[in-house]
Protein backbone atom coordinates (compact mmCIF):
# COMPACT_ATOMS: atom_id res chain seq x y z
CA MET A 1 0.00 0.00 0.00
CA ILE A 2 1.30 3.44 -0.83
CA LYS A 3 1.29 5.89 2.06
CA PHE A 4 1.43 9.62 1.61
CA SER A 5 3.02 12.21 3.81
CA ARG A 6 0.91 15.15 4.98
CA ARG A 7 2.46 17.50 2.51
CA PHE A 8 0.78 15.60 -0.34
CA VAL A 9 -2.70 15.59 1.21
CA PRO A 10 -3.62 19.19 0.33
CA VAL A 11 -2.70 18.60 -3.29
CA LEU A 12 -4.91 15.54 -3.53
CA ALA A 13 -7.66 17.24 -1.55
CA CYS A 14 -7.54 20.13 -4.01
CA ALA A 15 -7.96 17.73 -6.91
CA ALA A 16 -10.80 15.89 -5.17
CA GLY A 17 -12.42 19.20 -4.20
CA LEU A 18 -13.23 19.97 -7.83
CA VAL A 19 -16.58 18.31 -7.18
CA ALA A 20 -17.72 21.49 -5.42
CA VAL A 21 -16.85 23.84 -8.28
CA ALA A 22 -19.89 25.06 -10.23
CA ALA A 23 -19.84 26.60 -13.68
CA PRO A 24 -20.32 30.37 -13.55
CA THR A 25 -23.82 31.68 -14.23
CA ALA A 26 -24.17 33.28 -17.67
CA SER A 27 -25.86 36.61 -18.27
CA ALA A 28 -29.06 36.04 -20.26
CA TYR A 29 -29.89 39.63 -21.22
CA ASP A 30 -28.84 43.14 -20.30
CA GLY A 31 -30.44 46.18 -21.92
CA ASN A 32 -33.76 47.77 -22.85
CA PRO A 33 -35.60 45.37 -25.20
CA LEU A 34 -37.55 48.31 -26.67
CA ASP A 35 -34.44 50.02 -28.03
CA GLY A 36 -35.08 50.59 -31.72
CA THR A 37 -38.79 51.41 -31.56
CA GLU A 38 -37.96 55.10 -31.90
CA GLY A 39 -40.53 56.07 -29.28
CA PHE A 40 -43.51 54.63 -31.18
CA GLY A 41 -46.07 53.15 -28.81
CA VAL A 42 -47.11 50.57 -31.43
CA PHE A 43 -44.34 49.10 -33.59
CA ILE A 44 -45.39 46.52 -36.22
CA HIS A 45 -43.15 44.56 -38.56
CA HIS A 46 -45.57 43.95 -41.40
CA ASP A 47 -49.23 44.83 -42.15
CA ALA A 48 -51.81 46.39 -39.88
CA LEU A 49 -55.56 46.95 -39.85
CA LEU A 50 -56.45 49.85 -37.57
CA GLY A 51 -60.16 49.17 -37.37
CA SER A 52 -61.23 50.60 -34.00
CA THR A 53 -60.82 52.49 -31.85
CA GLU A 54 -57.63 54.48 -31.23
CA SER A 55 -53.97 54.61 -30.26
CA GLU A 56 -53.16 57.43 -27.87
CA GLY A 57 -49.53 57.40 -28.98
CA PRO A 58 -47.71 57.20 -32.32
CA VAL A 59 -47.92 54.12 -34.56
CA ALA A 60 -45.29 52.64 -36.90
CA VAL A 61 -46.28 50.01 -39.48
CA GLY A 62 -43.53 48.32 -41.46
CA GLY A 63 -45.84 46.93 -44.15
CA ASN A 64 -49.16 48.08 -45.61
CA LEU A 65 -51.89 49.90 -43.68
CA SER A 66 -55.67 49.58 -43.95
CA PHE A 67 -58.19 51.18 -41.60
CA GLY A 68 -61.78 51.14 -40.45
CA ALA A 69 -64.60 53.64 -40.33
CA GLY A 70 -63.09 55.77 -37.58
CA TYR A 71 -59.69 55.54 -35.94
CA ASN A 72 -57.50 58.04 -34.08
CA VAL A 73 -53.70 58.00 -33.86
CA ALA A 74 -51.48 60.12 -31.60
CA LEU A 75 -54.41 61.37 -29.55
CA ASN A 76 -52.22 62.35 -26.58
CA THR A 77 -48.77 62.56 -28.15
CA ALA A 78 -47.12 62.33 -31.56
CA GLY A 79 -44.04 60.85 -29.93
CA SER A 80 -40.39 61.73 -30.37
CA TYR A 81 -39.43 60.44 -33.85
CA THR A 82 -38.80 63.42 -36.12
CA ALA A 83 -37.52 62.60 -39.60
CA ASP A 84 -34.71 64.63 -41.14
CA GLY A 85 -36.01 67.92 -42.48
CA ASP A 86 -39.39 67.69 -40.72
CA ALA A 87 -40.70 70.30 -38.35
CA ARG A 88 -42.94 67.94 -36.41
CA PRO A 89 -42.66 64.40 -34.98
CA THR A 90 -44.20 61.52 -36.93
CA GLY A 91 -47.50 60.38 -35.48
CA LEU A 92 -48.09 57.70 -38.14
CA LEU A 93 -45.38 55.90 -40.11
CA VAL A 94 -46.18 53.43 -42.90
CA GLY A 95 -43.23 51.56 -44.38
CA GLY A 96 -45.33 50.12 -47.24
CA ARG A 97 -48.39 51.66 -48.85
CA VAL A 98 -51.81 52.78 -47.69
CA ASP A 99 -54.36 50.16 -48.78
CA PHE A 100 -57.33 52.34 -49.64
CA PRO A 101 -59.29 49.54 -51.41
CA GLY A 102 -58.85 47.37 -48.30
CA SER A 103 -60.12 50.09 -45.95
CA ASP A 104 -63.68 50.95 -44.96
CA PRO A 105 -65.24 52.99 -47.81
CA THR A 106 -66.31 55.64 -45.29
CA GLY A 107 -63.14 55.41 -43.24
CA VAL A 108 -61.34 58.39 -41.73
CA LEU A 109 -58.07 57.81 -39.90
CA LYS A 110 -57.15 60.93 -37.93
CA VAL A 111 -53.56 61.77 -37.03
CA LEU A 112 -53.82 64.14 -34.09
CA GLY A 113 -51.36 66.01 -31.88
CA ASP A 114 -50.06 67.96 -34.91
CA GLY A 115 -48.15 64.85 -35.89
CA TYR A 116 -46.84 64.17 -39.38
CA VAL A 117 -47.34 61.13 -41.61
CA LYS A 118 -44.58 59.21 -43.39
CA ILE A 119 -45.37 56.78 -46.21
CA GLY A 120 -42.67 54.58 -47.72
CA ASP A 121 -44.58 53.57 -50.86
CA PRO A 122 -46.93 56.29 -52.17
CA THR A 123 -48.42 54.04 -54.86
CA GLY A 124 -52.18 54.67 -55.09
CA ALA A 125 -52.11 57.68 -52.75
CA GLY A 126 -52.48 61.41 -53.24
CA VAL A 127 -51.38 64.11 -50.79
CA LEU A 128 -53.49 67.28 -50.68
CA THR A 129 -52.74 70.48 -48.76
CA THR A 130 -55.47 72.63 -50.33
CA ASP A 131 -59.22 72.11 -50.44
CA ALA A 132 -61.58 72.28 -53.40
CA ASN A 133 -61.50 76.09 -53.22
CA GLY A 134 -57.73 76.27 -53.26
CA ALA A 135 -57.47 77.32 -49.63
CA ALA A 136 -54.49 76.17 -47.57
CA VAL A 137 -55.72 73.56 -45.11
CA ALA A 138 -54.53 70.65 -42.99
CA THR A 139 -53.04 67.81 -45.03
CA HIS A 140 -55.18 64.90 -46.23
CA VAL A 141 -53.90 61.66 -47.78
CA VAL A 142 -56.51 60.19 -50.12
CA ALA A 143 -56.76 57.61 -52.87
CA ALA A 144 -54.97 58.82 -55.99
CA GLY A 145 -57.22 61.13 -58.05
CA SER A 146 -59.77 61.61 -55.25
CA GLY A 147 -60.91 64.90 -53.73
CA TYR A 148 -59.80 66.53 -50.50
CA ASP A 149 -62.74 65.31 -48.40
CA SER A 150 -63.15 61.94 -50.10
CA THR A 151 -63.17 58.70 -48.14
CA PRO A 152 -61.38 56.62 -47.17
CA ARG A 153 -58.73 59.17 -46.15
CA ILE A 154 -56.00 59.93 -43.63
CA GLU A 155 -56.71 63.29 -42.05
CA LEU A 156 -53.99 65.26 -40.28
CA SER A 157 -54.50 68.06 -37.77
CA ALA A 158 -51.29 69.70 -39.08
CA ARG A 159 -50.48 71.16 -42.48
CA GLN A 160 -47.58 68.97 -43.55
CA PRO A 161 -45.85 69.80 -46.85
CA ALA A 162 -46.85 67.23 -49.46
CA ALA A 163 -43.24 66.40 -50.31
CA ALA A 164 -42.48 65.64 -46.66
CA VAL A 165 -44.97 62.76 -46.56
CA THR A 166 -42.71 60.56 -48.68
CA ARG A 167 -39.37 62.28 -48.02
CA GLY A 168 -36.50 60.74 -46.07
CA SER A 169 -35.38 57.27 -45.01
CA LEU A 170 -37.45 55.07 -42.72
CA PRO A 171 -36.39 52.62 -39.99
CA ASP A 172 -35.14 49.22 -41.14
CA PHE A 173 -38.01 47.09 -39.82
CA ASP A 174 -36.42 43.79 -40.82
CA ALA A 175 -33.25 44.53 -38.84
CA ARG A 176 -35.20 45.85 -35.85
CA PHE A 177 -37.39 42.76 -35.62
CA THR A 178 -34.46 40.42 -36.00
CA ALA A 179 -33.03 42.12 -32.91
CA PHE A 180 -36.39 42.02 -31.09
CA ARG A 181 -36.72 38.27 -31.64
CA THR A 182 -33.20 37.69 -30.39
CA ARG A 183 -33.95 39.70 -27.26
CA ALA A 184 -37.26 37.92 -26.66
CA THR A 185 -35.47 34.57 -26.75
CA ALA A 186 -32.68 35.84 -24.51
CA MET A 187 -35.10 37.10 -21.85
CA ALA A 188 -36.86 33.73 -21.93
CA ALA A 189 -33.61 32.22 -20.63
CA CYS A 190 -33.63 34.45 -17.53
CA ALA A 191 -33.72 32.59 -14.23
CA GLU A 192 -37.17 32.69 -12.62
CA ASN A 193 -37.25 34.42 -9.24
CA VAL A 194 -40.94 35.22 -8.61
CA GLN A 195 -43.40 32.84 -6.94
CA LEU A 196 -47.15 32.61 -7.41
CA LEU A 197 -48.95 33.25 -4.11
CA ASP A 198 -52.57 32.43 -3.31
CA GLY A 199 -55.16 34.82 -1.91
CA ASN A 200 -53.70 34.42 1.57
CA GLY A 201 -50.19 35.21 0.43
CA ASN A 202 -48.92 31.61 0.60
CA PRO A 203 -47.11 29.94 -2.30
CA TYR A 204 -49.30 27.68 -4.38
CA PRO A 205 -48.31 24.09 -3.55
CA ASP A 206 -47.96 23.30 -7.23
CA GLN A 207 -46.72 26.35 -9.09
CA ASN A 208 -47.54 24.63 -12.39
CA ASP A 209 -51.16 23.81 -11.65
CA LEU A 210 -53.37 26.80 -10.87
CA PRO A 211 -57.11 26.43 -10.34
CA PRO A 212 -59.35 28.23 -12.85
CA GLY A 213 -60.00 31.83 -11.79
CA ALA A 214 -57.03 31.75 -9.42
CA GLN A 215 -56.47 34.75 -7.18
CA VAL A 216 -52.73 35.26 -7.62
CA LYS A 217 -50.49 37.61 -5.70
CA ILE A 218 -46.82 38.29 -6.41
CA HIS A 219 -43.98 39.81 -4.39
CA LEU A 220 -41.24 41.67 -6.24
CA THR A 221 -37.70 42.34 -5.06
CA ALA A 222 -36.15 45.81 -5.31
CA ASP A 223 -32.93 46.47 -7.24
CA ARG A 224 -33.14 43.47 -9.56
CA THR A 225 -35.07 42.32 -12.60
CA ASN A 226 -37.95 40.14 -11.45
CA VAL A 227 -38.80 37.21 -13.72
CA LEU A 228 -41.95 35.08 -13.75
CA ARG A 229 -42.62 32.22 -16.15
CA LEU A 230 -46.08 31.08 -17.19
CA THR A 231 -47.60 28.90 -19.86
CA GLY A 232 -50.55 30.18 -21.86
CA THR A 233 -52.79 27.78 -19.93
CA GLN A 234 -51.54 29.07 -16.59
CA LEU A 235 -52.02 32.66 -17.71
CA ASN A 236 -55.65 32.06 -18.66
CA ARG A 237 -56.34 30.47 -15.26
CA ILE A 238 -55.44 33.67 -13.42
CA GLY A 239 -58.61 35.54 -12.53
CA GLN A 240 -56.90 38.36 -10.67
CA LEU A 241 -53.24 39.33 -10.52
CA THR A 242 -52.40 41.41 -7.44
CA PHE A 243 -49.12 43.25 -7.09
CA LEU A 244 -47.85 43.39 -3.51
CA ASP A 245 -44.88 45.46 -4.73
CA GLN A 246 -44.54 47.82 -7.65
CA PRO A 247 -42.36 47.16 -10.68
CA THR A 248 -39.91 50.04 -11.05
CA THR A 249 -37.28 51.22 -13.48
CA ALA A 250 -34.64 49.63 -11.24
CA ALA A 251 -36.70 46.51 -10.52
CA PRO A 252 -38.86 45.69 -13.56
CA LEU A 253 -41.02 42.60 -13.96
CA VAL A 254 -40.63 40.38 -17.03
CA ILE A 255 -43.37 37.75 -17.45
CA VAL A 256 -42.29 35.09 -19.96
CA VAL A 257 -45.25 33.28 -21.53
CA ASP A 258 -44.63 29.89 -23.17
CA THR A 259 -47.18 29.01 -25.88
CA ASN A 260 -45.37 25.94 -27.22
CA ALA A 261 -47.94 23.49 -25.81
CA THR A 262 -50.78 25.26 -27.64
CA GLY A 263 -49.13 25.42 -31.05
CA HIS A 264 -47.57 28.84 -30.45
CA ALA A 265 -51.07 30.38 -30.30
CA LEU A 266 -52.86 32.06 -27.40
CA ALA A 267 -56.47 33.16 -27.02
CA TRP A 268 -55.90 35.45 -24.06
CA ASN A 269 -58.62 35.98 -21.47
CA SER A 270 -56.78 38.72 -19.61
CA PRO A 271 -57.02 38.86 -15.80
CA THR A 272 -58.05 41.71 -13.57
CA PHE A 273 -55.05 43.69 -12.31
CA ALA A 274 -54.92 44.95 -8.73
CA GLY A 275 -52.38 47.00 -6.83
CA LEU A 276 -50.52 48.21 -9.91
CA ASP A 277 -49.75 51.93 -10.09
CA PRO A 278 -49.52 53.79 -13.42
CA ALA A 279 -45.75 54.17 -13.00
CA GLY A 280 -45.45 50.41 -12.57
CA ILE A 281 -47.07 49.78 -15.95
CA SER A 282 -43.98 51.24 -17.66
CA ALA A 283 -41.77 48.68 -15.88
CA LEU A 284 -43.86 45.58 -16.70
CA LEU A 285 -43.18 43.53 -19.84
CA TRP A 286 -44.95 40.46 -21.23
CA ASP A 287 -42.45 38.44 -23.26
CA PHE A 288 -43.92 36.02 -25.84
CA PRO A 289 -40.77 34.57 -27.42
CA ASP A 290 -42.41 31.65 -29.25
CA ALA A 291 -45.94 32.91 -30.00
CA THR A 292 -47.03 33.37 -33.62
CA SER A 293 -50.69 34.21 -32.89
CA ILE A 294 -52.21 36.11 -29.95
CA THR A 295 -55.89 36.98 -29.79
CA HIS A 296 -57.16 39.25 -27.04
CA ALA A 297 -60.52 37.55 -26.82
CA SER A 298 -61.95 38.77 -23.53
CA GLY A 299 -61.09 40.02 -20.09
CA ASP A 300 -59.86 43.17 -18.43
CA THR A 301 -57.38 45.82 -19.52
CA ILE A 302 -53.92 44.43 -20.28
CA ASN A 303 -51.29 46.37 -18.35
CA GLY A 304 -47.67 46.37 -19.46
CA THR A 305 -45.71 46.17 -22.70
CA LEU A 306 -46.79 43.37 -25.03
CA TYR A 307 -43.57 42.06 -26.58
CA ALA A 308 -44.39 39.43 -29.19
CA PRO A 309 -42.14 40.12 -32.19
CA SER A 310 -43.11 36.91 -34.04
CA ALA A 311 -46.85 37.06 -33.42
CA ARG A 312 -49.91 38.35 -35.18
CA LEU A 313 -51.95 40.24 -32.58
CA THR A 314 -55.71 40.30 -33.04
CA ASP A 315 -57.46 42.58 -30.55
CA LEU A 316 -61.22 42.15 -30.62
CA ASP A 317 -61.87 42.96 -26.97
CA ALA A 318 -63.22 46.32 -25.86
CA SER A 319 -60.79 46.43 -22.93
CA ASN A 320 -57.68 48.52 -23.37
CA ILE A 321 -53.98 47.74 -23.68
CA GLN A 322 -51.73 49.98 -21.60
CA GLY A 323 -48.13 49.71 -22.70
CA ASP A 324 -45.92 49.45 -25.77
CA ILE A 325 -46.86 46.90 -28.43
CA VAL A 326 -44.23 45.13 -30.54
CA VAL A 327 -45.76 42.53 -32.87
CA GLU A 328 -45.27 40.95 -36.28
CA SER A 329 -48.67 42.16 -37.57
CA LEU A 330 -51.80 43.68 -36.07
CA VAL A 331 -55.57 43.51 -36.43
CA HIS A 332 -57.08 46.10 -34.08
CA GLY A 333 -60.84 45.89 -34.18
CA SER A 334 -62.93 45.39 -37.31
CA ARG A 335 -62.77 47.01 -40.71
CA THR A 336 -66.47 47.91 -40.53
CA ASN A 337 -68.70 49.15 -37.73
CA THR A 338 -70.66 45.89 -37.75
CA GLY A 339 -67.79 43.82 -36.33
CA PRO A 340 -66.30 43.67 -32.82
CA SER A 341 -64.37 46.66 -31.58
CA GLY A 342 -60.90 46.67 -30.14
CA GLY A 343 -60.15 48.73 -27.07
CA GLU A 344 -57.89 51.76 -26.82
CA MET A 345 -54.10 51.51 -26.88
CA HIS A 346 -52.76 53.73 -24.13
CA TYR A 347 -49.28 55.19 -24.30
CA PHE A 348 -47.10 53.78 -21.48
CA PRO A 349 -43.55 53.51 -22.89
CA PHE A 350 -41.35 50.83 -21.32
CA THR A 351 -38.65 52.74 -19.42
CA ALA A 352 -36.82 50.02 -17.48
CA HIS A 353 -33.48 48.29 -17.96
CA VAL A 354 -33.71 44.49 -17.97
CA SER A 355 -30.69 42.70 -16.53
CA CYS A 356 -30.95 39.02 -15.68
CA ASP A 357 -28.86 35.88 -15.42
CA GLY A 358 -29.58 32.55 -17.02
CA GLU A 359 -30.48 29.44 -15.09
CA SER A 360 -27.57 28.26 -12.90
CA SER A 361 -25.93 25.03 -14.02
CA THR A 362 -25.84 21.99 -11.73
CA PRO A 363 -22.23 21.48 -10.53
CA SER A 364 -20.51 18.85 -12.59
CA PRO A 365 -18.96 15.82 -10.83
CA SER A 366 -15.22 15.73 -10.37
CA PRO A 367 -13.36 13.97 -13.17
CA SER A 368 -12.12 10.51 -12.29
CA PRO A 369 -8.34 10.16 -11.86
CA THR A 370 -8.45 7.73 -14.79
CA PRO A 371 -11.35 8.88 -16.97
CA SER A 372 -12.66 6.59 -19.66
CA ALA A 373 -11.85 7.46 -23.24
CA THR A 374 -15.54 7.64 -24.18
CA PRO A 375 -17.72 9.34 -21.55
CA SER A 376 -21.04 7.60 -20.97
CA PRO A 377 -24.23 9.67 -21.08
CA ASN A 378 -26.05 10.09 -17.83
CA ASN A 379 -29.15 7.95 -18.19
CA GLY A 380 -29.92 7.79 -14.52
CA PRO A 381 -32.90 9.45 -12.89
CA GLY A 382 -32.70 13.17 -12.26
CA PRO A 383 -34.92 16.00 -11.13
CA SER A 384 -38.00 16.27 -13.28
CA THR A 385 -38.68 19.58 -14.98
CA SER A 386 -42.33 20.22 -15.71
CA PRO A 387 -42.91 21.23 -19.33
CA SER A 388 -45.37 23.85 -18.14
CA ARG A 389 -42.55 25.84 -16.56
CA SER A 390 -39.91 25.24 -19.20
CA THR A 391 -38.07 27.92 -21.12
CA PRO A 392 -40.10 28.68 -24.24
CA SER A 393 -38.71 27.53 -27.54
CA SER A 394 -38.46 30.30 -30.07
CA PRO A 395 -39.86 29.84 -33.59
CA SER A 396 -37.33 28.79 -36.20
CA THR A 397 -35.62 31.72 -37.83
CA THR A 398 -36.19 30.07 -41.18
CA ALA A 399 -39.92 29.68 -40.75
CA ASN A 400 -42.36 32.45 -41.60
CA PRO A 401 -44.59 33.51 -38.70
CA SER A 402 -48.30 33.88 -39.19
CA THR A 403 -49.27 37.18 -40.76
CA PRO A 404 -52.53 38.70 -42.02
CA ALA A 405 -53.68 37.78 -45.48
CA THR A 406 -53.43 41.39 -46.56
CA PRO A 407 -52.09 41.90 -50.08
CA GLY A 408 -48.53 43.07 -50.11
CA ALA A 409 -47.43 41.26 -46.98
CA SER A 410 -44.40 39.07 -47.33
CA PRO A 411 -43.28 37.72 -43.95
CA ARG A 412 -39.55 37.65 -43.54
CA GLN A 413 -37.25 36.23 -40.92
CA PRO A 414 -33.77 37.69 -41.43
CA ALA A 415 -30.74 36.11 -39.84
CA GLY A 416 -30.04 37.04 -36.23
CA PRO A 417 -28.17 40.32 -35.69
CA SER A 418 -25.39 41.35 -33.41
CA PRO A 419 -26.58 42.82 -30.11
CA ALA A 420 -27.38 46.52 -30.21
CA PRO A 421 -24.98 48.86 -28.43
CA GLY A 422 -25.42 48.80 -24.67
CA GLU A 423 -26.97 45.35 -24.44
CA GLN A 424 -25.57 41.90 -23.75
CA LEU A 425 -27.16 38.68 -24.91
CA ALA A 426 -26.63 35.16 -23.63
CA GLN A 427 -23.07 33.91 -23.19
CA THR A 428 -22.40 30.20 -23.45
CA GLY A 429 -19.54 30.03 -20.97
CA ALA A 430 -17.91 27.25 -23.04
CA ASP A 431 -14.42 28.73 -22.79
CA THR A 432 -14.70 28.97 -19.02
CA GLY A 433 -15.84 25.36 -18.74
CA THR A 434 -12.89 24.24 -20.88
CA ARG A 435 -10.46 26.02 -18.57
CA TRP A 436 -11.95 24.28 -15.52
CA ILE A 437 -11.60 20.86 -17.17
CA ALA A 438 -8.01 21.60 -18.17
CA ALA A 439 -7.20 22.69 -14.61
CA ALA A 440 -8.74 19.49 -13.25
CA GLY A 441 -6.60 17.43 -15.59
CA LEU A 442 -3.43 19.24 -14.57
CA LEU A 443 -4.14 18.80 -10.88
CA THR A 444 -4.91 15.11 -11.32
CA THR A 445 -1.71 14.58 -13.28
CA ALA A 446 0.30 16.46 -10.66
CA ALA A 447 -1.21 14.40 -7.87
CA GLY A 448 -0.30 11.17 -9.66
CA ALA A 449 3.28 12.30 -10.21
CA LEU A 450 3.69 13.30 -6.57
CA ALA A 451 2.25 10.00 -5.41
CA LEU A 452 4.69 8.08 -7.59
CA ARG A 453 7.58 10.13 -6.27
CA ALA A 454 6.54 9.41 -2.70
CA SER A 455 6.36 5.71 -3.43
CA ARG A 456 9.86 5.67 -4.83
CA ARG A 457 11.22 7.53 -1.82
CA ARG A 458 9.64 5.01 0.56
CA ARG A 459 11.28 2.17 -1.34
CA HIS A 460 14.70 3.76 -1.03
């Protein structure tokens, strides 16, 4: 038997102690996921139908726009995006064309707040700044060849020069939405740190199985990003969501909703919100990283930013949405007055900074002093992870998300971009893990050499 002197014990103990070393936790996301929306309260990749009733802030549509009998944009503010050479901010931006044939024949879309209009493709549109009598008046955008007061029309409260309607470059919607999808997926990897509490303030025994109409309360922690994960089924079982603490700019709340089990679609029956102050709405974000279709079917006002960059949002509920909206395409209400009406979209820009770590890795076992050449996979039993609380899987970047069947729409999924300045996306930590393994190998080799040396000394 080989015996070791005390001076060799610490070396061997160090090598054996590798079992306690855990891989460092990776940062999942760090930044403001709304960077790139240019201050628009509603930011849409492709086509939009603005049927009813209004958006109190500015609206940006990357594709084509159609509208209903009566719709208001920029009721309270025209926002902060002012194109080069313009005297006023843009209340309505259309990257494609205005679809007059696809709009209500009597439709009037009003751009208020003295906001301007920008149209990327003026095909089929005419811009008029004088009325039938030749008098200088507020600008109207009508179907080509139609009169000043014809319908359907876009009616401004400001007198914007006709050339300014189509002048200047517009945001690159494809690049922006590639970044938004990357961020949505990154935030879905954030470690969950918020529990669901019952009406008495006690944690639900099974966080994955809520009763229908559940009265849910949540505690938030100051000075960190709070993260809650739900499935679409769980979300629809919440009857009331009560905030025991307010989300803040320094301590926002990100709610990640996984719709994988329902085919990436959600018919949302929104809960009643309690205990949430107006300032807290601007620090609450709903992240739908894998959804391709969301319908606001019924329920109360939705509070917080709706961040679903791969989803078509259909809002046919009269309740409002209070927060930014980032979606692939939008149907807000009906094209005619005979259909269901959407609620109002209230302007609550997301102002918080999201900073969260990914799920911590389970410490790896110490390497054997004589590891096998081909490691065997671990097929033994382990802790079960419920699929209802899993990290959502994002839609394939090569697949086209669902979009409205509006002519001119061509869904695109560009390749993933580099992170925008000031933000950090997920890090794999592979290099760090490799260094730990190399260190373990060196220590094991050193221990073996020292043991052999000790043996030889004992023999002599």
